[in-house]
C-alpha atoms as a PDB file:
ATOM      1  CA  UNK A   1      54.787 -78.706 -32.674  1.00  0.00           C
ATOM      2  CA  UNK A   2      58.383 -78.369 -33.796  1.00  0.00           C
ATOM      3  CA  UNK A   3      61.232 -77.076 -31.676  1.00  0.00           C
ATOM      4  CA  UNK A   4      61.323 -73.294 -31.523  1.00  0.00           C
ATOM      5  CA  UNK A   5      64.581 -71.419 -31.874  1.00  0.00           C
ATOM      6  CA  UNK A   6      63.399 -68.191 -30.239  1.00  0.00           C
ATOM      7  CA  UNK A   7      62.699 -67.677 -26.560  1.00  0.00           C
ATOM      8  CA  UNK A   8      59.215 -66.430 -25.568  1.00  0.00           C
ATOM      9  CA  UNK A   9      60.809 -63.006 -25.034  1.00  0.00           C
ATOM     10  CA  UNK A  10      62.410 -62.873 -28.468  1.00  0.00           C
ATOM     11  CA  UNK A  11      59.283 -64.216 -30.124  1.00  0.00           C
ATOM     12  CA  UNK A  12      57.070 -61.559 -28.506  1.00  0.00           C
ATOM     13  CA  UNK A  13      59.473 -58.733 -29.371  1.00  0.00           C
ATOM     14  CA  UNK A  14      59.461 -59.993 -32.967  1.00  0.00           C
ATOM     15  CA  UNK A  15      55.720 -59.249 -33.100  1.00  0.00           C
ATOM     16  CA  UNK A  16      56.252 -55.730 -31.745  1.00  0.00           C
ATOM     17  CA  UNK A  17      58.898 -55.125 -34.411  1.00  0.00           C
ATOM     18  CA  UNK A  18      56.287 -55.888 -37.065  1.00  0.00           C
ATOM     19  CA  UNK A  19      57.848 -59.196 -38.091  1.00  0.00           C
ATOM     20  CA  UNK A  20      56.264 -62.644 -38.294  1.00  0.00           C
ATOM     21  CA  UNK A  21      57.125 -64.630 -35.155  1.00  0.00           C
ATOM     22  CA  UNK A  22      57.878 -68.343 -34.931  1.00  0.00           C
ATOM     23  CA  UNK A  23      54.584 -68.901 -33.123  1.00  0.00           C
ATOM     24  CA  UNK A  24      51.704 -66.762 -31.921  1.00  0.00           C
ATOM     25  CA  UNK A  25      52.638 -65.348 -28.514  1.00  0.00           C
ATOM     26  CA  UNK A  26      50.034 -66.017 -25.860  1.00  0.00           C
ATOM     27  CA  UNK A  27      49.590 -65.078 -22.239  1.00  0.00           C
ATOM     28  CA  UNK A  28      46.904 -64.489 -19.651  1.00  0.00           C
ATOM     29  CA  UNK A  29      45.988 -61.406 -17.641  1.00  0.00           C
ATOM     30  CA  UNK A  30      45.576 -63.619 -14.591  1.00  0.00           C
ATOM     31  CA  UNK A  31      47.900 -66.056 -12.819  1.00  0.00           C
ATOM     32  CA  UNK A  32      49.636 -68.473 -15.215  1.00  0.00           C
ATOM     33  CA  UNK A  33      48.909 -72.189 -15.112  1.00  0.00           C
ATOM     34  CA  UNK A  34      51.123 -74.234 -12.824  1.00  0.00           C
ATOM     35  CA  UNK A  35      52.969 -75.972 -15.658  1.00  0.00           C
ATOM     36  CA  UNK A  36      53.023 -72.970 -18.010  1.00  0.00           C
ATOM     37  CA  UNK A  37      56.253 -72.094 -19.843  1.00  0.00           C
ATOM     38  CA  UNK A  38      57.960 -68.759 -19.083  1.00  0.00           C
ATOM     39  CA  UNK A  39      55.552 -65.915 -19.890  1.00  0.00           C
ATOM     40  CA  UNK A  40      56.100 -63.811 -22.984  1.00  0.00           C
ATOM     41  CA  UNK A  41      56.048 -60.649 -20.917  1.00  0.00           C
ATOM     42  CA  UNK A  42      55.902 -59.297 -17.386  1.00  0.00           C
ATOM     43  CA  UNK A  43      55.356 -55.853 -15.921  1.00  0.00           C
ATOM     44  CA  UNK A  44      57.467 -53.853 -13.484  1.00  0.00           C
ATOM     45  CA  UNK A  45      56.418 -50.737 -11.590  1.00  0.00           C
ATOM     46  CA  UNK A  46      58.739 -48.743  -9.331  1.00  0.00           C
ATOM     47  CA  UNK A  47      57.711 -49.825  -5.814  1.00  0.00           C
ATOM     48  CA  UNK A  48      56.808 -46.327  -4.604  1.00  0.00           C
ATOM     49  CA  UNK A  49      54.052 -46.276  -7.240  1.00  0.00           C
ATOM     50  CA  UNK A  50      52.759 -49.792  -6.724  1.00  0.00           C
ATOM     51  CA  UNK A  51      52.349 -50.279  -2.971  1.00  0.00           C
ATOM     52  CA  UNK A  52      48.541 -50.181  -3.037  1.00  0.00           C
ATOM     53  CA  UNK A  53      48.493 -52.856  -5.754  1.00  0.00           C
ATOM     54  CA  UNK A  54      51.061 -55.050  -4.021  1.00  0.00           C
ATOM     55  CA  UNK A  55      49.074 -54.780  -0.778  1.00  0.00           C
ATOM     56  CA  UNK A  56      45.756 -55.615  -2.426  1.00  0.00           C
ATOM     57  CA  UNK A  57      44.285 -52.175  -1.790  1.00  0.00           C
ATOM     58  CA  UNK A  58      44.825 -48.987   0.163  1.00  0.00           C
ATOM     59  CA  UNK A  59      45.851 -45.473  -0.737  1.00  0.00           C
ATOM     60  CA  UNK A  60      48.024 -44.659  -3.726  1.00  0.00           C
ATOM     61  CA  UNK A  61      50.626 -41.886  -3.727  1.00  0.00           C
ATOM     62  CA  UNK A  62      47.936 -39.254  -4.417  1.00  0.00           C
ATOM     63  CA  UNK A  63      45.669 -40.322  -1.565  1.00  0.00           C
ATOM     64  CA  UNK A  64      43.079 -42.231  -3.594  1.00  0.00           C
ATOM     65  CA  UNK A  65      41.779 -45.237  -1.663  1.00  0.00           C
ATOM     66  CA  UNK A  66      41.587 -48.412  -3.777  1.00  0.00           C
ATOM     67  CA  UNK A  67      39.310 -51.307  -2.894  1.00  0.00           C
ATOM     68  CA  UNK A  68      39.459 -54.917  -4.129  1.00  0.00           C
ATOM     69  CA  UNK A  69      36.353 -56.190  -5.929  1.00  0.00           C
ATOM     70  CA  UNK A  70      35.273 -59.763  -5.320  1.00  0.00           C
ATOM     71  CA  UNK A  71      33.499 -60.187  -8.666  1.00  0.00           C
ATOM     72  CA  UNK A  72      36.675 -59.463 -10.644  1.00  0.00           C
ATOM     73  CA  UNK A  73      39.144 -61.599  -8.752  1.00  0.00           C
ATOM     74  CA  UNK A  74      40.192 -58.750  -6.412  1.00  0.00           C
ATOM     75  CA  UNK A  75      40.909 -56.172  -9.117  1.00  0.00           C
ATOM     76  CA  UNK A  76      41.190 -52.719  -7.544  1.00  0.00           C
ATOM     77  CA  UNK A  77      38.888 -49.742  -8.088  1.00  0.00           C
ATOM     78  CA  UNK A  78      38.813 -46.311  -6.431  1.00  0.00           C
ATOM     79  CA  UNK A  79      36.582 -46.055  -3.391  1.00  0.00           C
ATOM     80  CA  UNK A  80      33.549 -44.174  -4.729  1.00  0.00           C
ATOM     81  CA  UNK A  81      32.515 -43.010  -1.281  1.00  0.00           C
ATOM     82  CA  UNK A  82      35.392 -40.551  -0.931  1.00  0.00           C
ATOM     83  CA  UNK A  83      36.654 -39.009  -4.161  1.00  0.00           C
ATOM     84  CA  UNK A  84      39.397 -36.585  -3.154  1.00  0.00           C
ATOM     85  CA  UNK A  85      38.814 -33.816  -5.726  1.00  0.00           C
ATOM     86  CA  UNK A  86      35.165 -32.832  -6.207  1.00  0.00           C
ATOM     87  CA  UNK A  87      34.424 -30.471  -9.078  1.00  0.00           C
ATOM     88  CA  UNK A  88      34.069 -27.406  -6.876  1.00  0.00           C
ATOM     89  CA  UNK A  89      37.651 -27.923  -5.627  1.00  0.00           C
ATOM     90  CA  UNK A  90      39.194 -28.435  -9.056  1.00  0.00           C
ATOM     91  CA  UNK A  91      40.304 -24.790  -9.519  1.00  0.00           C
ATOM     92  CA  UNK A  92      42.226 -25.218  -6.232  1.00  0.00           C
ATOM     93  CA  UNK A  93      43.566 -28.682  -7.088  1.00  0.00           C
ATOM     94  CA  UNK A  94      47.046 -27.834  -5.765  1.00  0.00           C
ATOM     95  CA  UNK A  95      45.603 -27.868  -2.243  1.00  0.00           C
ATOM     96  CA  UNK A  96      44.699 -31.546  -2.707  1.00  0.00           C
ATOM     97  CA  UNK A  97      47.023 -33.122  -5.285  1.00  0.00           C
ATOM     98  CA  UNK A  98      50.576 -33.052  -3.973  1.00  0.00           C
ATOM     99  CA  UNK A  99      53.328 -35.071  -5.613  1.00  0.00           C
ATOM    100  CA  UNK A 100      55.721 -36.912  -3.295  1.00  0.00           C
ATOM    101  CA  UNK A 101      59.179 -35.402  -2.941  1.00  0.00           C
ATOM    102  CA  UNK A 102      61.552 -37.291  -5.244  1.00  0.00           C
ATOM    103  CA  UNK A 103      64.693 -35.695  -3.866  1.00  0.00           C
ATOM    104  CA  UNK A 104      67.221 -38.056  -2.359  1.00  0.00           C
ATOM    105  CA  UNK A 105      65.642 -41.262  -3.613  1.00  0.00           C
ATOM    106  CA  UNK A 106      68.137 -44.013  -4.385  1.00  0.00           C
ATOM    107  CA  UNK A 107      66.392 -45.433  -7.449  1.00  0.00           C
ATOM    108  CA  UNK A 108      68.751 -48.371  -7.837  1.00  0.00           C
ATOM    109  CA  UNK A 109      68.158 -49.394  -4.238  1.00  0.00           C
ATOM    110  CA  UNK A 110      64.420 -49.070  -4.747  1.00  0.00           C
ATOM    111  CA  UNK A 111      64.033 -50.793  -8.093  1.00  0.00           C
ATOM    112  CA  UNK A 112      66.673 -53.491  -8.456  1.00  0.00           C
ATOM    113  CA  UNK A 113      65.821 -55.575  -5.350  1.00  0.00           C
ATOM    114  CA  UNK A 114      62.126 -55.331  -6.207  1.00  0.00           C
ATOM    115  CA  UNK A 115      62.816 -56.468  -9.749  1.00  0.00           C
ATOM    116  CA  UNK A 116      64.906 -59.375  -8.463  1.00  0.00           C
ATOM    117  CA  UNK A 117      62.112 -60.323  -6.056  1.00  0.00           C
ATOM    118  CA  UNK A 118      59.685 -60.673  -8.960  1.00  0.00           C
ATOM    119  CA  UNK A 119      61.842 -63.542 -10.211  1.00  0.00           C
ATOM    120  CA  UNK A 120      61.580 -62.649 -13.889  1.00  0.00           C
ATOM    121  CA  UNK A 121      63.986 -64.518 -16.146  1.00  0.00           C
ATOM    122  CA  UNK A 122      64.985 -61.662 -18.434  1.00  0.00           C
ATOM    123  CA  UNK A 123      66.406 -64.096 -20.993  1.00  0.00           C
ATOM    124  CA  UNK A 124      62.967 -65.684 -21.400  1.00  0.00           C
ATOM    125  CA  UNK A 125      60.458 -62.925 -20.626  1.00  0.00           C
ATOM    126  CA  UNK A 126      60.185 -59.410 -22.054  1.00  0.00           C
ATOM    127  CA  UNK A 127      59.930 -56.741 -19.355  1.00  0.00           C
ATOM    128  CA  UNK A 128      57.474 -53.837 -19.480  1.00  0.00           C
ATOM    129  CA  UNK A 129      58.103 -50.655 -17.525  1.00  0.00           C
ATOM    130  CA  UNK A 130      54.777 -49.215 -16.353  1.00  0.00           C
ATOM    131  CA  UNK A 131      54.322 -46.053 -14.306  1.00  0.00           C
ATOM    132  CA  UNK A 132      50.591 -45.408 -13.961  1.00  0.00           C
ATOM    133  CA  UNK A 133      47.098 -46.351 -15.105  1.00  0.00           C
ATOM    134  CA  UNK A 134      46.708 -43.348 -17.424  1.00  0.00           C
ATOM    135  CA  UNK A 135      45.966 -39.641 -17.211  1.00  0.00           C
ATOM    136  CA  UNK A 136      42.257 -40.009 -17.940  1.00  0.00           C
ATOM    137  CA  UNK A 137      41.980 -42.743 -15.341  1.00  0.00           C
ATOM    138  CA  UNK A 138      43.942 -40.737 -12.790  1.00  0.00           C
ATOM    139  CA  UNK A 139      41.573 -37.810 -13.213  1.00  0.00           C
ATOM    140  CA  UNK A 140      38.568 -40.103 -12.825  1.00  0.00           C
ATOM    141  CA  UNK A 141      40.124 -41.683  -9.723  1.00  0.00           C
ATOM    142  CA  UNK A 142      40.477 -38.232  -8.160  1.00  0.00           C
ATOM    143  CA  UNK A 143      37.023 -36.950  -9.137  1.00  0.00           C
ATOM    144  CA  UNK A 144      34.728 -39.832 -10.069  1.00  0.00           C
ATOM    145  CA  UNK A 145      33.183 -40.121 -13.504  1.00  0.00           C
ATOM    146  CA  UNK A 146      30.384 -37.595 -13.017  1.00  0.00           C
ATOM    147  CA  UNK A 147      32.585 -34.725 -11.846  1.00  0.00           C
ATOM    148  CA  UNK A 148      35.547 -35.887 -13.906  1.00  0.00           C
ATOM    149  CA  UNK A 149      33.686 -35.776 -17.209  1.00  0.00           C
ATOM    150  CA  UNK A 150      32.051 -32.449 -16.354  1.00  0.00           C
ATOM    151  CA  UNK A 151      35.512 -31.058 -15.612  1.00  0.00           C
ATOM    152  CA  UNK A 152      36.567 -31.248 -19.262  1.00  0.00           C
ATOM    153  CA  UNK A 153      33.721 -28.872 -20.133  1.00  0.00           C
ATOM    154  CA  UNK A 154      33.450 -26.662 -17.067  1.00  0.00           C
ATOM    155  CA  UNK A 155      37.089 -26.319 -15.969  1.00  0.00           C
ATOM    156  CA  UNK A 156      39.283 -27.124 -19.005  1.00  0.00           C
ATOM    157  CA  UNK A 157      42.137 -24.851 -17.921  1.00  0.00           C
ATOM    158  CA  UNK A 158      42.346 -26.513 -14.519  1.00  0.00           C
ATOM    159  CA  UNK A 159      42.280 -29.965 -16.153  1.00  0.00           C
ATOM    160  CA  UNK A 160      45.171 -28.976 -18.434  1.00  0.00           C
ATOM    161  CA  UNK A 161      47.162 -27.646 -15.484  1.00  0.00           C
ATOM    162  CA  UNK A 162      46.551 -30.746 -13.390  1.00  0.00           C
ATOM    163  CA  UNK A 163      47.459 -33.158 -16.195  1.00  0.00           C
ATOM    164  CA  UNK A 164      50.625 -31.131 -16.931  1.00  0.00           C
ATOM    165  CA  UNK A 165      51.574 -31.471 -13.268  1.00  0.00           C
ATOM    166  CA  UNK A 166      50.960 -35.222 -13.259  1.00  0.00           C
ATOM    167  CA  UNK A 167      52.857 -35.878 -16.460  1.00  0.00           C
ATOM    168  CA  UNK A 168      55.871 -33.841 -15.330  1.00  0.00           C
ATOM    169  CA  UNK A 169      55.988 -35.916 -12.137  1.00  0.00           C
ATOM    170  CA  UNK A 170      55.816 -39.229 -13.989  1.00  0.00           C
ATOM    171  CA  UNK A 171      58.388 -38.103 -16.556  1.00  0.00           C
ATOM    172  CA  UNK A 172      60.843 -37.445 -13.719  1.00  0.00           C
ATOM    173  CA  UNK A 173      60.354 -41.021 -12.552  1.00  0.00           C
ATOM    174  CA  UNK A 174      60.708 -42.336 -16.104  1.00  0.00           C
ATOM    175  CA  UNK A 175      63.990 -40.489 -16.552  1.00  0.00           C
ATOM    176  CA  UNK A 176      65.226 -41.726 -13.165  1.00  0.00           C
ATOM    177  CA  UNK A 177      64.393 -45.395 -13.770  1.00  0.00           C
ATOM    178  CA  UNK A 178      64.715 -46.170 -17.482  1.00  0.00           C
ATOM    179  CA  UNK A 179      68.470 -46.667 -17.425  1.00  0.00           C
ATOM    180  CA  UNK A 180      68.291 -48.663 -14.174  1.00  0.00           C
ATOM    181  CA  UNK A 181      65.456 -51.040 -15.037  1.00  0.00           C
ATOM    182  CA  UNK A 182      66.488 -51.320 -18.717  1.00  0.00           C
ATOM    183  CA  UNK A 183      63.049 -52.503 -19.864  1.00  0.00           C
ATOM    184  CA  UNK A 184      62.449 -54.248 -23.160  1.00  0.00           C
ATOM    185  CA  UNK A 185      59.175 -52.375 -23.662  1.00  0.00           C
ATOM    186  CA  UNK A 186      57.559 -49.169 -22.440  1.00  0.00           C
ATOM    187  CA  UNK A 187      53.952 -49.681 -21.403  1.00  0.00           C
ATOM    188  CA  UNK A 188      51.457 -46.843 -21.636  1.00  0.00           C
ATOM    189  CA  UNK A 189      47.908 -47.150 -20.368  1.00  0.00           C
ATOM    190  CA  UNK A 190      44.601 -45.314 -20.232  1.00  0.00           C
ATOM    191  CA  UNK A 191      41.148 -46.888 -20.241  1.00  0.00           C
ATOM    192  CA  UNK A 192      39.292 -44.162 -22.115  1.00  0.00           C
ATOM    193  CA  UNK A 193      36.392 -46.334 -23.311  1.00  0.00           C
ATOM    194  CA  UNK A 194      33.615 -48.639 -22.166  1.00  0.00           C
ATOM    195  CA  UNK A 195      32.427 -51.684 -24.122  1.00  0.00           C
ATOM    196  CA  UNK A 196      29.911 -49.853 -26.294  1.00  0.00           C
ATOM    197  CA  UNK A 197      31.536 -46.439 -26.744  1.00  0.00           C
ATOM    198  CA  UNK A 198      34.375 -44.172 -25.626  1.00  0.00           C
ATOM    199  CA  UNK A 199      34.038 -42.116 -22.469  1.00  0.00           C
ATOM    200  CA  UNK A 200      35.442 -39.091 -24.330  1.00  0.00           C
ATOM    201  CA  UNK A 201      35.622 -38.157 -28.005  1.00  0.00           C
ATOM    202  CA  UNK A 202      38.730 -38.572 -30.119  1.00  0.00           C
ATOM    203  CA  UNK A 203      39.027 -34.771 -30.269  1.00  0.00           C
ATOM    204  CA  UNK A 204      38.915 -34.535 -26.484  1.00  0.00           C
ATOM    205  CA  UNK A 205      41.501 -37.297 -26.200  1.00  0.00           C
ATOM    206  CA  UNK A 206      43.715 -35.397 -28.661  1.00  0.00           C
ATOM    207  CA  UNK A 207      43.413 -32.144 -26.715  1.00  0.00           C
ATOM    208  CA  UNK A 208      43.692 -33.304 -23.125  1.00  0.00           C
ATOM    209  CA  UNK A 209      45.301 -36.754 -22.950  1.00  0.00           C
ATOM    210  CA  UNK A 210      47.467 -37.355 -26.004  1.00  0.00           C
ATOM    211  CA  UNK A 211      50.159 -34.721 -25.249  1.00  0.00           C
ATOM    212  CA  UNK A 212      51.055 -36.481 -22.016  1.00  0.00           C
ATOM    213  CA  UNK A 213      51.265 -39.955 -23.520  1.00  0.00           C
ATOM    214  CA  UNK A 214      53.333 -38.446 -26.335  1.00  0.00           C
ATOM    215  CA  UNK A 215      55.942 -37.220 -23.818  1.00  0.00           C
ATOM    216  CA  UNK A 216      56.544 -40.755 -22.596  1.00  0.00           C
ATOM    217  CA  UNK A 217      56.441 -42.164 -26.119  1.00  0.00           C
ATOM    218  CA  UNK A 218      59.181 -39.736 -27.081  1.00  0.00           C
ATOM    219  CA  UNK A 219      61.452 -41.402 -24.530  1.00  0.00           C
ATOM    220  CA  UNK A 220      60.736 -44.777 -26.098  1.00  0.00           C
ATOM    221  CA  UNK A 221      61.576 -43.527 -29.572  1.00  0.00           C
ATOM    222  CA  UNK A 222      64.780 -41.926 -28.288  1.00  0.00           C
ATOM    223  CA  UNK A 223      65.897 -45.274 -26.863  1.00  0.00           C
ATOM    224  CA  UNK A 224      64.616 -47.412 -29.723  1.00  0.00           C
ATOM    225  CA  UNK A 225      62.253 -49.289 -27.396  1.00  0.00           C
ATOM    226  CA  UNK A 226      58.985 -50.823 -28.594  1.00  0.00           C
ATOM    227  CA  UNK A 227      55.898 -49.447 -26.859  1.00  0.00           C
ATOM    228  CA  UNK A 228      52.467 -50.800 -26.069  1.00  0.00           C
ATOM    229  CA  UNK A 229      49.218 -49.127 -25.038  1.00  0.00           C
ATOM    230  CA  UNK A 230      46.654 -50.712 -22.727  1.00  0.00           C
ATOM    231  CA  UNK A 231      43.208 -49.332 -23.487  1.00  0.00           C
ATOM    232  CA  UNK A 232      40.071 -51.367 -22.833  1.00  0.00           C
ATOM    233  CA  UNK A 233      36.707 -51.042 -24.521  1.00  0.00           C
ATOM    234  CA  UNK A 234      35.721 -49.470 -27.834  1.00  0.00           C
ATOM    235  CA  UNK A 235      38.749 -47.233 -28.284  1.00  0.00           C
ATOM    236  CA  UNK A 236      39.371 -47.743 -32.020  1.00  0.00           C
ATOM    237  CA  UNK A 237      38.792 -44.020 -32.646  1.00  0.00           C
ATOM    238  CA  UNK A 238      42.156 -43.099 -31.102  1.00  0.00           C
ATOM    239  CA  UNK A 239      44.310 -45.766 -32.756  1.00  0.00           C
ATOM    240  CA  UNK A 240      45.570 -43.443 -35.491  1.00  0.00           C
ATOM    241  CA  UNK A 241      47.011 -41.205 -32.791  1.00  0.00           C
ATOM    242  CA  UNK A 242      48.674 -44.147 -31.058  1.00  0.00           C
ATOM    243  CA  UNK A 243      50.321 -45.323 -34.267  1.00  0.00           C
ATOM    244  CA  UNK A 244      51.456 -41.788 -35.092  1.00  0.00           C
ATOM    245  CA  UNK A 245      53.283 -41.484 -31.768  1.00  0.00           C
ATOM    246  CA  UNK A 246      55.029 -44.817 -32.258  1.00  0.00           C
ATOM    247  CA  UNK A 247      52.933 -47.332 -30.321  1.00  0.00           C
ATOM    248  CA  UNK A 248      53.760 -50.848 -31.570  1.00  0.00           C
ATOM    249  CA  UNK A 249      51.152 -52.949 -29.770  1.00  0.00           C
ATOM    250  CA  UNK A 250      47.664 -52.474 -28.328  1.00  0.00           C
ATOM    251  CA  UNK A 251      45.975 -54.544 -25.647  1.00  0.00           C
ATOM    252  CA  UNK A 252      43.538 -55.959 -24.656  1.00  0.00           C
ATOM    253  CA  UNK A 253      42.086 -55.252 -28.128  1.00  0.00           C
ATOM    254  CA  UNK A 254      38.566 -56.215 -27.143  1.00  0.00           C
ATOM    255  CA  UNK A 255      36.178 -57.637 -29.700  1.00  0.00           C
ATOM    256  CA  UNK A 256      33.780 -54.684 -29.461  1.00  0.00           C
ATOM    257  CA  UNK A 257      36.234 -53.033 -31.869  1.00  0.00           C
ATOM    258  CA  UNK A 258      36.438 -53.893 -35.572  1.00  0.00           C
ATOM    259  CA  UNK A 259      39.529 -56.022 -35.121  1.00  0.00           C
ATOM    260  CA  UNK A 260      39.479 -57.432 -38.648  1.00  0.00           C
ATOM    261  CA  UNK A 261      39.261 -53.918 -40.083  1.00  0.00           C
ATOM    262  CA  UNK A 262      41.995 -52.683 -37.745  1.00  0.00           C
ATOM    263  CA  UNK A 263      44.294 -55.489 -38.862  1.00  0.00           C
ATOM    264  CA  UNK A 264      43.630 -54.643 -42.520  1.00  0.00           C
ATOM    265  CA  UNK A 265      44.281 -50.946 -41.900  1.00  0.00           C
ATOM    266  CA  UNK A 266      47.486 -51.142 -39.877  1.00  0.00           C
ATOM    267  CA  UNK A 267      48.895 -54.536 -40.825  1.00  0.00           C
ATOM    268  CA  UNK A 268      51.830 -55.372 -38.587  1.00  0.00           C
ATOM    269  CA  UNK A 269      52.466 -51.714 -37.756  1.00  0.00           C
ATOM    270  CA  UNK A 270      50.165 -52.072 -34.740  1.00  0.00           C
ATOM    271  CA  UNK A 271      50.189 -55.500 -33.128  1.00  0.00           C
ATOM    272  CA  UNK A 272      46.803 -56.590 -31.802  1.00  0.00           C
ATOM    273  CA  UNK A 273      47.088 -58.281 -28.413  1.00  0.00           C
ATOM    274  CA  UNK A 274      43.975 -59.919 -27.034  1.00  0.00           C
ATOM    275  CA  UNK A 275      40.948 -60.353 -29.281  1.00  0.00           C
ATOM    276  CA  UNK A 276      39.180 -62.964 -27.117  1.00  0.00           C
ATOM    277  CA  UNK A 277      36.399 -61.963 -24.735  1.00  0.00           C
ATOM    278  CA  UNK A 278      34.159 -64.116 -22.565  1.00  0.00           C
ATOM    279  CA  UNK A 279      30.856 -62.881 -23.976  1.00  0.00           C
ATOM    280  CA  UNK A 280      27.525 -64.287 -25.068  1.00  0.00           C
ATOM    281  CA  UNK A 281      27.450 -68.050 -25.450  1.00  0.00           C
ATOM    282  CA  UNK A 282      30.798 -68.419 -23.678  1.00  0.00           C
ATOM    283  CA  UNK A 283      29.183 -67.225 -20.423  1.00  0.00           C
ATOM    284  CA  UNK A 284      26.256 -69.622 -20.496  1.00  0.00           C
ATOM    285  CA  UNK A 285      26.139 -72.436 -17.963  1.00  0.00           C
ATOM    286  CA  UNK A 286      25.896 -75.178 -20.579  1.00  0.00           C
ATOM    287  CA  UNK A 287      28.689 -73.976 -22.876  1.00  0.00           C
ATOM    288  CA  UNK A 288      30.789 -76.986 -23.853  1.00  0.00           C
ATOM    289  CA  UNK A 289      34.533 -77.321 -23.542  1.00  0.00           C
ATOM    290  CA  UNK A 290      34.757 -77.745 -27.313  1.00  0.00           C
ATOM    291  CA  UNK A 291      32.860 -74.510 -27.891  1.00  0.00           C
ATOM    292  CA  UNK A 292      35.393 -72.710 -25.721  1.00  0.00           C
ATOM    293  CA  UNK A 293      38.292 -74.292 -27.600  1.00  0.00           C
ATOM    294  CA  UNK A 294      36.737 -73.423 -30.948  1.00  0.00           C
ATOM    295  CA  UNK A 295      36.267 -69.796 -29.885  1.00  0.00           C
ATOM    296  CA  UNK A 296      40.013 -69.624 -29.194  1.00  0.00           C
ATOM    297  CA  UNK A 297      40.848 -71.128 -32.577  1.00  0.00           C
ATOM    298  CA  UNK A 298      38.450 -68.783 -34.374  1.00  0.00           C
ATOM    299  CA  UNK A 299      40.108 -65.671 -32.944  1.00  0.00           C
ATOM    300  CA  UNK A 300      43.614 -66.901 -33.772  1.00  0.00           C
ATOM    301  CA  UNK A 301      42.595 -67.908 -37.305  1.00  0.00           C
ATOM    302  CA  UNK A 302      41.104 -64.449 -37.874  1.00  0.00           C
ATOM    303  CA  UNK A 303      43.895 -62.278 -36.436  1.00  0.00           C
ATOM    304  CA  UNK A 304      47.199 -64.184 -36.534  1.00  0.00           C
ATOM    305  CA  UNK A 305      47.852 -64.711 -40.288  1.00  0.00           C
ATOM    306  CA  UNK A 306      50.909 -62.751 -41.371  1.00  0.00           C
ATOM    307  CA  UNK A 307      51.912 -61.821 -37.819  1.00  0.00           C
ATOM    308  CA  UNK A 308      50.899 -58.721 -35.907  1.00  0.00           C
ATOM    309  CA  UNK A 309      48.994 -60.645 -33.243  1.00  0.00           C
ATOM    310  CA  UNK A 310      49.358 -62.112 -29.755  1.00  0.00           C
ATOM    311  CA  UNK A 311      46.572 -64.018 -28.001  1.00  0.00           C
ATOM    312  CA  UNK A 312      45.520 -62.904 -24.534  1.00  0.00           C
ATOM    313  CA  UNK A 313      42.248 -63.526 -22.795  1.00  0.00           C
ATOM    314  CA  UNK A 314      40.350 -65.306 -20.092  1.00  0.00           C
ATOM    315  CA  UNK A 315      37.322 -65.252 -17.853  1.00  0.00           C
ATOM    316  CA  UNK A 316      37.386 -62.395 -15.331  1.00  0.00           C
ATOM    317  CA  UNK A 317      35.787 -64.088 -12.366  1.00  0.00           C
ATOM    318  CA  UNK A 318      35.336 -64.043  -8.598  1.00  0.00           C
ATOM    319  CA  UNK A 319      38.161 -65.545  -6.549  1.00  0.00           C
ATOM    320  CA  UNK A 320      37.509 -69.192  -5.825  1.00  0.00           C
ATOM    321  CA  UNK A 321      35.101 -69.816  -8.727  1.00  0.00           C
ATOM    322  CA  UNK A 322      36.217 -73.348  -9.560  1.00  0.00           C
ATOM    323  CA  UNK A 323      34.184 -73.698 -12.758  1.00  0.00           C
ATOM    324  CA  UNK A 324      35.480 -70.434 -14.172  1.00  0.00           C
ATOM    325  CA  UNK A 325      39.033 -71.469 -13.263  1.00  0.00           C
ATOM    326  CA  UNK A 326      38.454 -74.726 -15.131  1.00  0.00           C
ATOM    327  CA  UNK A 327      37.233 -72.806 -18.171  1.00  0.00           C
ATOM    328  CA  UNK A 328      40.250 -70.515 -17.999  1.00  0.00           C
ATOM    329  CA  UNK A 329      42.470 -73.583 -18.050  1.00  0.00           C
ATOM    330  CA  UNK A 330      40.713 -74.685 -21.261  1.00  0.00           C
ATOM    331  CA  UNK A 331      41.294 -71.254 -22.834  1.00  0.00           C
ATOM    332  CA  UNK A 332      44.979 -71.129 -21.924  1.00  0.00           C
ATOM    333  CA  UNK A 333      45.587 -74.759 -22.835  1.00  0.00           C
ATOM    334  CA  UNK A 334      44.002 -74.449 -26.253  1.00  0.00           C
ATOM    335  CA  UNK A 335      45.797 -71.156 -26.873  1.00  0.00           C
ATOM    336  CA  UNK A 336      49.139 -72.747 -26.020  1.00  0.00           C
ATOM    337  CA  UNK A 337      48.512 -75.680 -28.348  1.00  0.00           C
ATOM    338  CA  UNK A 338      47.016 -73.783 -31.280  1.00  0.00           C
ATOM    339  CA  UNK A 339      49.317 -70.752 -31.068  1.00  0.00           C
ATOM    340  CA  UNK A 340      52.390 -72.957 -30.883  1.00  0.00           C
ATOM    341  CA  UNK A 341      51.526 -74.742 -34.124  1.00  0.00           C
ATOM    342  CA  UNK A 342      49.890 -71.901 -36.031  1.00  0.00           C
ATOM    343  CA  UNK A 343      52.648 -70.710 -38.361  1.00  0.00           C
ATOM    344  CA  UNK A 344      53.850 -74.272 -39.007  1.00  0.00           C
ATOM    345  CA  UNK A 345      50.413 -74.962 -40.445  1.00  0.00           C
ATOM    346  CA  UNK A 346      50.369 -71.854 -42.650  1.00  0.00           C
END
């Protein structure tokens, strides 16, 4: 591998600009390896929004209780024993959902020390600004999936009102923090799909969810910032809408989607980030190290030519699973080697 002129930050931003990078950016959704180079990107959330994540669980600003899950390495999910907004209360949602008072907050004092504490080298790593998990996900966290999905049909006016309220609150925080944090990238998020199919139709996404993402995306366009969208599962049906509002990159771009077709359709206009999933043979007890390495190479060979791609992936596993950690080290090691040399070989 030759010497690279760009930093990991610059190289990653090159992909989001639709240009061919020096090498294929790569990162993991879990902790980096001990000897890993500076990551291509890192995320920052204003501390008032992130306390339950920093603390490994607890109540968020809306009162939703989040619990760590052992099988996913302590990833947090809403406590399904106490959803705070059952369907019968939705018309009276203002009695339950109350935004914190933002008056008098010293945003510099809140954000800058927290950003410094993260220890991100801004010359080497591109910084995302993230505010929430998504409007669909917020609604589901308040109501649960059964009541939450029924709400779109039975109480559409109340859903619109509630989502308007949420997005106005988050836009106030965006406007208060953008010029303080000075992110390289705006990160949007909403997991609107499962592996096999979306939770809601593209038309329902367009009606209920899209307007609120579009508000935030407008801020990115105004500032000339690249933007990414995190949306798991089979969400390819909404990608046209993401591109139309100026989204530059999509993660985790899971392989249940037609990634080859998506790359042909959008080219470098929408960078694909991810593309590797621990599925099928890769989960079997006797999978070989070489099979894992080859799976990494296959994904990069398919999606990286001409740019528009960053590799991200790994085994989502229980904390302390030594074999899965070993396999993750194989994935990240092979990605680092193969991504670093990819465009030199082209």
